[in-house]
Amino acid sequence: MANGKGSIGAAVLWMAGLSLLLFWLPLLGPFLAGLVGGRRAGGVGPAIVAVFLPAIVFGAALFLLTSVLSGMPLVGVVAGMGGLVMSLAHVGPLLLGAIVGGLLA
């Protein structure tokens, strides 16, 4: 980067966008998305935050929205846990790529 500073927000957007575009590559797609996002984050610490923050926010949002729309908190808990588990299952290669990208930044 030109000024040596990264942005967690930009890293999250790059990781999400590339993950959507490269979903058809089972391990390489998330790794490449994490690599680019880690470089955009500007370091290992911000890269790790950029990996886990969307997974946690997605799970919480899914829980809240499902609870509100269904009127049953138990359905929201199940949907939220399911969304969180699916997000965290994607995190392995994404995290590895983000750490490598953060080291390269």
PDB file of N, CA and C in Angstrom:
ATOM      1  N   MET A   1       0.839  -1.176   0.000  1.00  0.00           N
ATOM      2  CA  MET A   1       0.000   0.000   0.000  1.00  0.00           C
ATOM      3  C   MET A   1       0.886   1.244   0.000  1.00  0.00           C
ATOM      4  N   ALA A   2       0.386   2.300  -0.540  1.00  0.00           N
ATOM      5  CA  ALA A   2       1.171   3.503  -0.703  1.00  0.00           C
ATOM      6  C   ALA A   2       1.532   4.132   0.637  1.00  0.00           C
ATOM      7  N   ASN A   3       0.593   4.252   1.547  1.00  0.00           N
ATOM      8  CA  ASN A   3       0.868   4.910   2.814  1.00  0.00           C
ATOM      9  C   ASN A   3       1.172   3.924   3.950  1.00  0.00           C
ATOM     10  N   GLY A   4       1.133   2.643   3.691  1.00  0.00           N
ATOM     11  CA  GLY A   4       1.461   1.653   4.704  1.00  0.00           C
ATOM     12  C   GLY A   4       0.347   1.342   5.680  1.00  0.00           C
ATOM     13  N   LYS A   5      -0.786   1.983   5.547  1.00  0.00           N
ATOM     14  CA  LYS A   5      -1.907   1.728   6.446  1.00  0.00           C
ATOM     15  C   LYS A   5      -2.989   0.963   5.704  1.00  0.00           C
ATOM     16  N   GLY A   6      -3.611   0.056   6.410  1.00  0.00           N
ATOM     17  CA  GLY A   6      -4.677  -0.725   5.815  1.00  0.00           C
ATOM     18  C   GLY A   6      -6.031  -0.310   6.343  1.00  0.00           C
ATOM     19  N   SER A   7      -7.035  -0.979   5.836  1.00  0.00           N
ATOM     20  CA  SER A   7      -8.391  -0.693   6.250  1.00  0.00           C
ATOM     21  C   SER A   7      -9.127  -2.014   6.459  1.00  0.00           C
ATOM     22  N   ILE A   8      -9.683  -2.189   7.645  1.00  0.00           N
ATOM     23  CA  ILE A   8     -10.424  -3.411   7.931  1.00  0.00           C
ATOM     24  C   ILE A   8     -11.687  -3.467   7.073  1.00  0.00           C
ATOM     25  N   GLY A   9     -12.341  -2.323   6.904  1.00  0.00           N
ATOM     26  CA  GLY A   9     -13.553  -2.276   6.082  1.00  0.00           C
ATOM     27  C   GLY A   9     -13.290  -2.676   4.648  1.00  0.00           C
ATOM     28  N   ALA A  10     -12.204  -2.157   4.067  1.00  0.00           N
ATOM     29  CA  ALA A  10     -11.850  -2.525   2.696  1.00  0.00           C
ATOM     30  C   ALA A  10     -11.496  -4.007   2.612  1.00  0.00           C
ATOM     31  N   ALA A  11     -10.802  -4.510   3.640  1.00  0.00           N
ATOM     32  CA  ALA A  11     -10.432  -5.928   3.654  1.00  0.00           C
ATOM     33  C   ALA A  11     -11.668  -6.814   3.706  1.00  0.00           C
ATOM     34  N   VAL A  12     -12.649  -6.433   4.516  1.00  0.00           N
ATOM     35  CA  VAL A  12     -13.886  -7.212   4.614  1.00  0.00           C
ATOM     36  C   VAL A  12     -14.607  -7.229   3.266  1.00  0.00           C
ATOM     37  N   LEU A  13     -14.687  -6.075   2.618  1.00  0.00           N
ATOM     38  CA  LEU A  13     -15.366  -6.002   1.319  1.00  0.00           C
ATOM     39  C   LEU A  13     -14.651  -6.830   0.257  1.00  0.00           C
ATOM     40  N   TRP A  14     -13.334  -6.763   0.221  1.00  0.00           N
ATOM     41  CA  TRP A  14     -12.581  -7.560  -0.743  1.00  0.00           C
ATOM     42  C   TRP A  14     -12.741  -9.055  -0.473  1.00  0.00           C
ATOM     43  N   MET A  15     -12.665  -9.446   0.795  1.00  0.00           N
ATOM     44  CA  MET A  15     -12.827 -10.869   1.129  1.00  0.00           C
ATOM     45  C   MET A  15     -14.213 -11.370   0.760  1.00  0.00           C
ATOM     46  N   ALA A  16     -15.228 -10.585   1.064  1.00  0.00           N
ATOM     47  CA  ALA A  16     -16.597 -11.006   0.762  1.00  0.00           C
ATOM     48  C   ALA A  16     -16.822 -11.083  -0.743  1.00  0.00           C
ATOM     49  N   GLY A  17     -16.377 -10.064  -1.459  1.00  0.00           N
ATOM     50  CA  GLY A  17     -16.575 -10.045  -2.909  1.00  0.00           C
ATOM     51  C   GLY A  17     -15.853 -11.173  -3.615  1.00  0.00           C
ATOM     52  N   LEU A  18     -14.593 -11.369  -3.261  1.00  0.00           N
ATOM     53  CA  LEU A  18     -13.835 -12.445  -3.899  1.00  0.00           C
ATOM     54  C   LEU A  18     -14.333 -13.825  -3.477  1.00  0.00           C
ATOM     55  N   SER A  19     -14.802 -13.951  -2.262  1.00  0.00           N
ATOM     56  CA  SER A  19     -15.366 -15.234  -1.826  1.00  0.00           C
ATOM     57  C   SER A  19     -16.599 -15.583  -2.655  1.00  0.00           C
ATOM     58  N   LEU A  20     -17.415 -14.582  -2.936  1.00  0.00           N
ATOM     59  CA  LEU A  20     -18.594 -14.825  -3.769  1.00  0.00           C
ATOM     60  C   LEU A  20     -18.209 -15.163  -5.202  1.00  0.00           C
ATOM     61  N   LEU A  21     -17.199 -14.495  -5.733  1.00  0.00           N
ATOM     62  CA  LEU A  21     -16.785 -14.750  -7.109  1.00  0.00           C
ATOM     63  C   LEU A  21     -16.040 -16.072  -7.269  1.00  0.00           C
ATOM     64  N   LEU A  22     -15.322 -16.492  -6.246  1.00  0.00           N
ATOM     65  CA  LEU A  22     -14.494 -17.697  -6.330  1.00  0.00           C
ATOM     66  C   LEU A  22     -15.071 -18.866  -5.541  1.00  0.00           C
ATOM     67  N   PHE A  23     -16.376 -18.881  -5.320  1.00  0.00           N
ATOM     68  CA  PHE A  23     -16.987 -19.948  -4.523  1.00  0.00           C
ATOM     69  C   PHE A  23     -16.796 -21.322  -5.153  1.00  0.00           C
ATOM     70  N   TRP A  24     -16.590 -21.392  -6.438  1.00  0.00           N
ATOM     71  CA  TRP A  24     -16.493 -22.664  -7.148  1.00  0.00           C
ATOM     72  C   TRP A  24     -15.114 -23.318  -6.993  1.00  0.00           C
ATOM     73  N   LEU A  25     -14.156 -22.618  -6.387  1.00  0.00           N
ATOM     74  CA  LEU A  25     -12.856 -23.203  -6.073  1.00  0.00           C
ATOM     75  C   LEU A  25     -12.841 -23.553  -4.584  1.00  0.00           C
ATOM     76  N   PRO A  26     -12.998 -24.833  -4.226  1.00  0.00           N
ATOM     77  CA  PRO A  26     -13.239 -25.208  -2.838  1.00  0.00           C
ATOM     78  C   PRO A  26     -12.264 -24.644  -1.809  1.00  0.00           C
ATOM     79  N   LEU A  27     -10.986 -24.819  -1.944  1.00  0.00           N
ATOM     80  CA  LEU A  27     -10.033 -24.313  -0.948  1.00  0.00           C
ATOM     81  C   LEU A  27      -9.255 -23.107  -1.461  1.00  0.00           C
ATOM     82  N   LEU A  28      -9.017 -23.078  -2.745  1.00  0.00           N
ATOM     83  CA  LEU A  28      -8.222 -22.009  -3.326  1.00  0.00           C
ATOM     84  C   LEU A  28      -8.975 -20.676  -3.347  1.00  0.00           C
ATOM     85  N   GLY A  29     -10.288 -20.704  -3.562  1.00  0.00           N
ATOM     86  CA  GLY A  29     -11.081 -19.476  -3.608  1.00  0.00           C
ATOM     87  C   GLY A  29     -11.039 -18.691  -2.300  1.00  0.00           C
ATOM     88  N   PRO A  30     -11.383 -19.321  -1.167  1.00  0.00           N
ATOM     89  CA  PRO A  30     -11.286 -18.590   0.101  1.00  0.00           C
ATOM     90  C   PRO A  30      -9.857 -18.188   0.453  1.00  0.00           C
ATOM     91  N   PHE A  31      -8.878 -19.035   0.082  1.00  0.00           N
ATOM     92  CA  PHE A  31      -7.492 -18.687   0.365  1.00  0.00           C
ATOM     93  C   PHE A  31      -7.077 -17.425  -0.385  1.00  0.00           C
ATOM     94  N   LEU A  32      -7.430 -17.354  -1.678  1.00  0.00           N
ATOM     95  CA  LEU A  32      -7.099 -16.167  -2.468  1.00  0.00           C
ATOM     96  C   LEU A  32      -7.838 -14.930  -1.958  1.00  0.00           C
ATOM     97  N   ALA A  33      -9.096 -15.100  -1.571  1.00  0.00           N
ATOM     98  CA  ALA A  33      -9.864 -13.979  -1.017  1.00  0.00           C
ATOM     99  C   ALA A  33      -9.212 -13.495   0.279  1.00  0.00           C
ATOM    100  N   GLY A  34      -8.770 -14.419   1.118  1.00  0.00           N
ATOM    101  CA  GLY A  34      -8.095 -14.044   2.357  1.00  0.00           C
ATOM    102  C   GLY A  34      -6.754 -13.385   2.101  1.00  0.00           C
ATOM    103  N   LEU A  35      -6.038 -13.855   1.092  1.00  0.00           N
ATOM    104  CA  LEU A  35      -4.744 -13.282   0.744  1.00  0.00           C
ATOM    105  C   LEU A  35      -4.891 -11.817   0.329  1.00  0.00           C
ATOM    106  N   VAL A  36      -5.838 -11.548  -0.551  1.00  0.00           N
ATOM    107  CA  VAL A  36      -6.074 -10.167  -1.000  1.00  0.00           C
ATOM    108  C   VAL A  36      -6.594  -9.316   0.157  1.00  0.00           C
ATOM    109  N   GLY A  37      -7.534  -9.850   0.916  1.00  0.00           N
ATOM    110  CA  GLY A  37      -8.077  -9.105   2.051  1.00  0.00           C
ATOM    111  C   GLY A  37      -7.040  -8.835   3.122  1.00  0.00           C
ATOM    112  N   GLY A  38      -6.150  -9.790   3.357  1.00  0.00           N
ATOM    113  CA  GLY A  38      -5.092  -9.602   4.340  1.00  0.00           C
ATOM    114  C   GLY A  38      -4.122  -8.507   3.932  1.00  0.00           C
ATOM    115  N   ARG A  39      -3.821  -8.453   2.638  1.00  0.00           N
ATOM    116  CA  ARG A  39      -2.960  -7.364   2.150  1.00  0.00           C
ATOM    117  C   ARG A  39      -3.659  -6.016   2.276  1.00  0.00           C
ATOM    118  N   ARG A  40      -4.965  -5.993   2.009  1.00  0.00           N
ATOM    119  CA  ARG A  40      -5.720  -4.743   2.127  1.00  0.00           C
ATOM    120  C   ARG A  40      -5.847  -4.306   3.592  1.00  0.00           C
ATOM    121  N   ALA A  41      -5.846  -5.267   4.502  1.00  0.00           N
ATOM    122  CA  ALA A  41      -5.966  -4.941   5.927  1.00  0.00           C
ATOM    123  C   ALA A  41      -4.710  -4.263   6.444  1.00  0.00           C
ATOM    124  N   GLY A  42      -3.563  -4.613   5.878  1.00  0.00           N
ATOM    125  CA  GLY A  42      -2.334  -3.938   6.255  1.00  0.00           C
ATOM    126  C   GLY A  42      -1.531  -4.613   7.351  1.00  0.00           C
ATOM    127  N   GLY A  43      -1.950  -5.742   7.843  1.00  0.00           N
ATOM    128  CA  GLY A  43      -1.206  -6.443   8.885  1.00  0.00           C
ATOM    129  C   GLY A  43      -1.953  -7.688   9.317  1.00  0.00           C
ATOM    130  N   VAL A  44      -1.312  -8.493  10.130  1.00  0.00           N
ATOM    131  CA  VAL A  44      -1.915  -9.755  10.553  1.00  0.00           C
ATOM    132  C   VAL A  44      -3.094  -9.530  11.502  1.00  0.00           C
ATOM    133  N   GLY A  45      -2.943  -8.638  12.477  1.00  0.00           N
ATOM    134  CA  GLY A  45      -4.015  -8.374  13.441  1.00  0.00           C
ATOM    135  C   GLY A  45      -5.296  -7.890  12.777  1.00  0.00           C
ATOM    136  N   PRO A  46      -5.222  -6.828  11.979  1.00  0.00           N
ATOM    137  CA  PRO A  46      -6.426  -6.371  11.286  1.00  0.00           C
ATOM    138  C   PRO A  46      -6.983  -7.406  10.310  1.00  0.00           C
ATOM    139  N   ALA A  47      -6.118  -8.219   9.721  1.00  0.00           N
ATOM    140  CA  ALA A  47      -6.580  -9.258   8.795  1.00  0.00           C
ATOM    141  C   ALA A  47      -7.415 -10.308   9.533  1.00  0.00           C
ATOM    142  N   ILE A  48      -6.991 -10.677  10.738  1.00  0.00           N
ATOM    143  CA  ILE A  48      -7.740 -11.660  11.522  1.00  0.00           C
ATOM    144  C   ILE A  48      -9.089 -11.084  11.940  1.00  0.00           C
ATOM    145  N   VAL A  49      -9.107  -9.812  12.321  1.00  0.00           N
ATOM    146  CA  VAL A  49     -10.377  -9.154  12.657  1.00  0.00           C
ATOM    147  C   VAL A  49     -11.291  -9.128  11.440  1.00  0.00           C
ATOM    148  N   ALA A  50     -10.716  -8.853  10.268  1.00  0.00           N
ATOM    149  CA  ALA A  50     -11.505  -8.787   9.039  1.00  0.00           C
ATOM    150  C   ALA A  50     -12.071 -10.148   8.647  1.00  0.00           C
ATOM    151  N   VAL A  51     -11.469 -11.226   9.090  1.00  0.00           N
ATOM    152  CA  VAL A  51     -11.980 -12.563   8.789  1.00  0.00           C
ATOM    153  C   VAL A  51     -13.149 -12.908   9.711  1.00  0.00           C
ATOM    154  N   PHE A  52     -12.983 -12.695  11.018  1.00  0.00           N
ATOM    155  CA  PHE A  52     -13.986 -13.154  11.975  1.00  0.00           C
ATOM    156  C   PHE A  52     -15.152 -12.194  12.170  1.00  0.00           C
ATOM    157  N   LEU A  53     -14.945 -10.922  11.963  1.00  0.00           N
ATOM    158  CA  LEU A  53     -16.006  -9.940  12.176  1.00  0.00           C
ATOM    159  C   LEU A  53     -17.241 -10.210  11.318  1.00  0.00           C
ATOM    160  N   PRO A  54     -17.105 -10.453  10.006  1.00  0.00           N
ATOM    161  CA  PRO A  54     -18.315 -10.723   9.210  1.00  0.00           C
ATOM    162  C   PRO A  54     -19.043 -12.002   9.619  1.00  0.00           C
ATOM    163  N   ALA A  55     -18.307 -13.033  10.032  1.00  0.00           N
ATOM    164  CA  ALA A  55     -18.955 -14.282  10.442  1.00  0.00           C
ATOM    165  C   ALA A  55     -19.805 -14.068  11.683  1.00  0.00           C
ATOM    166  N   ILE A  56     -19.279 -13.329  12.634  1.00  0.00           N
ATOM    167  CA  ILE A  56     -20.026 -13.075  13.872  1.00  0.00           C
ATOM    168  C   ILE A  56     -21.211 -12.155  13.608  1.00  0.00           C
ATOM    169  N   VAL A  57     -20.995 -11.112  12.810  1.00  0.00           N
ATOM    170  CA  VAL A  57     -22.086 -10.177  12.487  1.00  0.00           C
ATOM    171  C   VAL A  57     -23.185 -10.888  11.699  1.00  0.00           C
ATOM    172  N   PHE A  58     -22.803 -11.754  10.755  1.00  0.00           N
ATOM    173  CA  PHE A  58     -23.780 -12.492   9.962  1.00  0.00           C
ATOM    174  C   PHE A  58     -24.631 -13.405  10.844  1.00  0.00           C
ATOM    175  N   GLY A  59     -23.994 -14.121  11.753  1.00  0.00           N
ATOM    176  CA  GLY A  59     -24.737 -15.001  12.651  1.00  0.00           C
ATOM    177  C   GLY A  59     -25.689 -14.234  13.555  1.00  0.00           C
ATOM    178  N   ALA A  60     -25.220 -13.106  14.087  1.00  0.00           N
ATOM    179  CA  ALA A  60     -26.078 -12.292  14.963  1.00  0.00           C
ATOM    180  C   ALA A  60     -27.241 -11.681  14.186  1.00  0.00           C
ATOM    181  N   ALA A  61     -26.963 -11.175  12.982  1.00  0.00           N
ATOM    182  CA  ALA A  61     -28.032 -10.584  12.168  1.00  0.00           C
ATOM    183  C   ALA A  61     -29.058 -11.628  11.772  1.00  0.00           C
ATOM    184  N   LEU A  62     -28.597 -12.816  11.424  1.00  0.00           N
ATOM    185  CA  LEU A  62     -29.525 -13.889  11.053  1.00  0.00           C
ATOM    186  C   LEU A  62     -30.396 -14.277  12.246  1.00  0.00           C
ATOM    187  N   PHE A  63     -29.807 -14.330  13.427  1.00  0.00           N
ATOM    188  CA  PHE A  63     -30.568 -14.631  14.633  1.00  0.00           C
ATOM    189  C   PHE A  63     -31.632 -13.569  14.880  1.00  0.00           C
ATOM    190  N   LEU A  64     -31.238 -12.304  14.843  1.00  0.00           N
ATOM    191  CA  LEU A  64     -32.185 -11.220  15.131  1.00  0.00           C
ATOM    192  C   LEU A  64     -33.296 -11.138  14.088  1.00  0.00           C
ATOM    193  N   LEU A  65     -32.933 -11.197  12.830  1.00  0.00           N
ATOM    194  CA  LEU A  65     -33.930 -11.064  11.775  1.00  0.00           C
ATOM    195  C   LEU A  65     -34.896 -12.249  11.752  1.00  0.00           C
ATOM    196  N   THR A  66     -34.378 -13.441  11.966  1.00  0.00           N
ATOM    197  CA  THR A  66     -35.259 -14.609  11.982  1.00  0.00           C
ATOM    198  C   THR A  66     -36.173 -14.583  13.187  1.00  0.00           C
ATOM    199  N   SER A  67     -35.663 -14.141  14.333  1.00  0.00           N
ATOM    200  CA  SER A  67     -36.508 -14.042  15.522  1.00  0.00           C
ATOM    201  C   SER A  67     -37.617 -13.025  15.324  1.00  0.00           C
ATOM    202  N   VAL A  68     -37.285 -11.888  14.736  1.00  0.00           N
ATOM    203  CA  VAL A  68     -38.284 -10.835  14.530  1.00  0.00           C
ATOM    204  C   VAL A  68     -39.315 -11.259  13.485  1.00  0.00           C
ATOM    205  N   LEU A  69     -38.857 -11.822  12.379  1.00  0.00           N
ATOM    206  CA  LEU A  69     -39.772 -12.167  11.294  1.00  0.00           C
ATOM    207  C   LEU A  69     -40.647 -13.372  11.612  1.00  0.00           C
ATOM    208  N   SER A  70     -40.136 -14.328  12.383  1.00  0.00           N
ATOM    209  CA  SER A  70     -40.936 -15.513  12.695  1.00  0.00           C
ATOM    210  C   SER A  70     -41.750 -15.330  13.968  1.00  0.00           C
ATOM    211  N   GLY A  71     -41.316 -14.431  14.839  1.00  0.00           N
ATOM    212  CA  GLY A  71     -42.014 -14.241  16.098  1.00  0.00           C
ATOM    213  C   GLY A  71     -41.702 -15.319  17.110  1.00  0.00           C
ATOM    214  N   MET A  72     -40.772 -16.210  16.779  1.00  0.00           N
ATOM    215  CA  MET A  72     -40.392 -17.290  17.677  1.00  0.00           C
ATOM    216  C   MET A  72     -38.884 -17.251  17.905  1.00  0.00           C
ATOM    217  N   PRO A  73     -38.463 -16.888  19.099  1.00  0.00           N
ATOM    218  CA  PRO A  73     -37.023 -16.786  19.367  1.00  0.00           C
ATOM    219  C   PRO A  73     -36.271 -18.105  19.170  1.00  0.00           C
ATOM    220  N   LEU A  74     -36.928 -19.235  19.404  1.00  0.00           N
ATOM    221  CA  LEU A  74     -36.247 -20.524  19.235  1.00  0.00           C
ATOM    222  C   LEU A  74     -35.850 -20.747  17.780  1.00  0.00           C
ATOM    223  N   VAL A  75     -36.709 -20.363  16.851  1.00  0.00           N
ATOM    224  CA  VAL A  75     -36.378 -20.481  15.425  1.00  0.00           C
ATOM    225  C   VAL A  75     -35.195 -19.574  15.103  1.00  0.00           C
ATOM    226  N   GLY A  76     -35.167 -18.384  15.704  1.00  0.00           N
ATOM    227  CA  GLY A  76     -34.051 -17.473  15.509  1.00  0.00           C
ATOM    228  C   GLY A  76     -32.746 -18.025  16.036  1.00  0.00           C
ATOM    229  N   VAL A  77     -32.793 -18.693  17.163  1.00  0.00           N
ATOM    230  CA  VAL A  77     -31.586 -19.299  17.730  1.00  0.00           C
ATOM    231  C   VAL A  77     -31.046 -20.375  16.801  1.00  0.00           C
ATOM    232  N   VAL A  78     -31.921 -21.234  16.306  1.00  0.00           N
ATOM    233  CA  VAL A  78     -31.489 -22.319  15.410  1.00  0.00           C
ATOM    234  C   VAL A  78     -30.932 -21.754  14.109  1.00  0.00           C
ATOM    235  N   ALA A  79     -31.625 -20.789  13.522  1.00  0.00           N
ATOM    236  CA  ALA A  79     -31.154 -20.189  12.271  1.00  0.00           C
ATOM    237  C   ALA A  79     -29.852 -19.433  12.485  1.00  0.00           C
ATOM    238  N   GLY A  80     -29.744 -18.708  13.581  1.00  0.00           N
ATOM    239  CA  GLY A  80     -28.521 -17.974  13.876  1.00  0.00           C
ATOM    240  C   GLY A  80     -27.337 -18.888  14.093  1.00  0.00           C
ATOM    241  N   MET A  81     -27.542 -19.974  14.816  1.00  0.00           N
ATOM    242  CA  MET A  81     -26.450 -20.925  15.033  1.00  0.00           C
ATOM    243  C   MET A  81     -26.057 -21.591  13.721  1.00  0.00           C
ATOM    244  N   GLY A  82     -27.036 -21.923  12.905  1.00  0.00           N
ATOM    245  CA  GLY A  82     -26.738 -22.527  11.609  1.00  0.00           C
ATOM    246  C   GLY A  82     -25.949 -21.589  10.713  1.00  0.00           C
ATOM    247  N   GLY A  83     -26.344 -20.330  10.661  1.00  0.00           N
ATOM    248  CA  GLY A  83     -25.618 -19.348   9.865  1.00  0.00           C
ATOM    249  C   GLY A  83     -24.213 -19.117  10.382  1.00  0.00           C
ATOM    250  N   LEU A  84     -24.064 -19.086  11.693  1.00  0.00           N
ATOM    251  CA  LEU A  84     -22.740 -18.897  12.280  1.00  0.00           C
ATOM    252  C   LEU A  84     -21.831 -20.086  11.983  1.00  0.00           C
ATOM    253  N   VAL A  85     -22.366 -21.295  12.069  1.00  0.00           N
ATOM    254  CA  VAL A  85     -21.571 -22.490  11.778  1.00  0.00           C
ATOM    255  C   VAL A  85     -21.156 -22.511  10.305  1.00  0.00           C
ATOM    256  N   MET A  86     -22.073 -22.158   9.416  1.00  0.00           N
ATOM    257  CA  MET A  86     -21.732 -22.131   7.989  1.00  0.00           C
ATOM    258  C   MET A  86     -20.671 -21.066   7.702  1.00  0.00           C
ATOM    259  N   SER A  87     -20.756 -19.933   8.358  1.00  0.00           N
ATOM    260  CA  SER A  87     -19.754 -18.882   8.171  1.00  0.00           C
ATOM    261  C   SER A  87     -18.397 -19.323   8.705  1.00  0.00           C
ATOM    262  N   LEU A  88     -18.389 -19.944   9.864  1.00  0.00           N
ATOM    263  CA  LEU A  88     -17.127 -20.373  10.460  1.00  0.00           C
ATOM    264  C   LEU A  88     -16.497 -21.541   9.699  1.00  0.00           C
ATOM    265  N   ALA A  89     -17.302 -22.344   9.009  1.00  0.00           N
ATOM    266  CA  ALA A  89     -16.748 -23.438   8.215  1.00  0.00           C
ATOM    267  C   ALA A  89     -15.951 -22.895   7.028  1.00  0.00           C
ATOM    268  N   HIS A  90     -16.296 -21.722   6.590  1.00  0.00           N
ATOM    269  CA  HIS A  90     -15.623 -21.084   5.457  1.00  0.00           C
ATOM    270  C   HIS A  90     -14.347 -20.362   5.893  1.00  0.00           C
ATOM    271  N   VAL A  91     -14.185 -20.186   7.189  1.00  0.00           N
ATOM    272  CA  VAL A  91     -13.129 -19.329   7.719  1.00  0.00           C
ATOM    273  C   VAL A  91     -11.736 -19.962   7.633  1.00  0.00           C
ATOM    274  N   GLY A  92     -11.604 -21.269   7.652  1.00  0.00           N
ATOM    275  CA  GLY A  92     -10.288 -21.924   7.686  1.00  0.00           C
ATOM    276  C   GLY A  92      -9.341 -21.441   6.603  1.00  0.00           C
ATOM    277  N   PRO A  93      -9.643 -21.709   5.331  1.00  0.00           N
ATOM    278  CA  PRO A  93      -8.743 -21.239   4.275  1.00  0.00           C
ATOM    279  C   PRO A  93      -8.696 -19.714   4.171  1.00  0.00           C
ATOM    280  N   LEU A  94      -9.798 -19.059   4.491  1.00  0.00           N
ATOM    281  CA  LEU A  94      -9.836 -17.599   4.472  1.00  0.00           C
ATOM    282  C   LEU A  94      -8.874 -17.030   5.501  1.00  0.00           C
ATOM    283  N   LEU A  95      -8.847 -17.617   6.697  1.00  0.00           N
ATOM    284  CA  LEU A  95      -7.950 -17.177   7.760  1.00  0.00           C
ATOM    285  C   LEU A  95      -6.492 -17.407   7.379  1.00  0.00           C
ATOM    286  N   LEU A  96      -6.208 -18.563   6.820  1.00  0.00           N
ATOM    287  CA  LEU A  96      -4.835 -18.855   6.402  1.00  0.00           C
ATOM    288  C   LEU A  96      -4.357 -17.857   5.351  1.00  0.00           C
ATOM    289  N   GLY A  97      -5.225 -17.579   4.365  1.00  0.00           N
ATOM    290  CA  GLY A  97      -4.866 -16.583   3.341  1.00  0.00           C
ATOM    291  C   GLY A  97      -4.714 -15.203   3.925  1.00  0.00           C
ATOM    292  N   ALA A  98      -5.562 -14.834   4.898  1.00  0.00           N
ATOM    293  CA  ALA A  98      -5.479 -13.518   5.508  1.00  0.00           C
ATOM    294  C   ALA A  98      -4.177 -13.354   6.301  1.00  0.00           C
ATOM    295  N   ILE A  99      -3.756 -14.406   6.975  1.00  0.00           N
ATOM    296  CA  ILE A  99      -2.501 -14.336   7.739  1.00  0.00           C
ATOM    297  C   ILE A  99      -1.321 -14.163   6.778  1.00  0.00           C
ATOM    298  N   VAL A 100      -1.319 -14.941   5.699  1.00  0.00           N
ATOM    299  CA  VAL A 100      -0.234 -14.819   4.707  1.00  0.00           C
ATOM    300  C   VAL A 100      -0.267 -13.425   4.075  1.00  0.00           C
ATOM    301  N   GLY A 101      -1.467 -12.968   3.704  1.00  0.00           N
ATOM    302  CA  GLY A 101      -1.584 -11.627   3.121  1.00  0.00           C
ATOM    303  C   GLY A 101      -1.185 -10.538   4.078  1.00  0.00           C
ATOM    304  N   GLY A 102      -1.530 -10.697   5.363  1.00  0.00           N
ATOM    305  CA  GLY A 102      -1.127  -9.716   6.362  1.00  0.00           C
ATOM    306  C   GLY A 102       0.375  -9.664   6.550  1.00  0.00           C
ATOM    307  N   LEU A 103       1.013 -10.832   6.444  1.00  0.00           N
ATOM    308  CA  LEU A 103       2.480 -10.862   6.538  1.00  0.00           C
ATOM    309  C   LEU A 103       3.147 -10.223   5.321  1.00  0.00           C
ATOM    310  N   LEU A 104       2.510 -10.318   4.172  1.00  0.00           N
ATOM    311  CA  LEU A 104       3.055  -9.728   2.951  1.00  0.00           C
ATOM    312  C   LEU A 104       2.826  -8.223   2.858  1.00  0.00           C
ATOM    313  N   ALA A 105       1.892  -7.708   3.650  1.00  0.00           N
ATOM    314  CA  ALA A 105       1.549  -6.275   3.562  1.00  0.00           C
ATOM    315  C   ALA A 105       2.641  -5.397   4.112  1.00  0.00           C
TER     316      ALA A 105
END
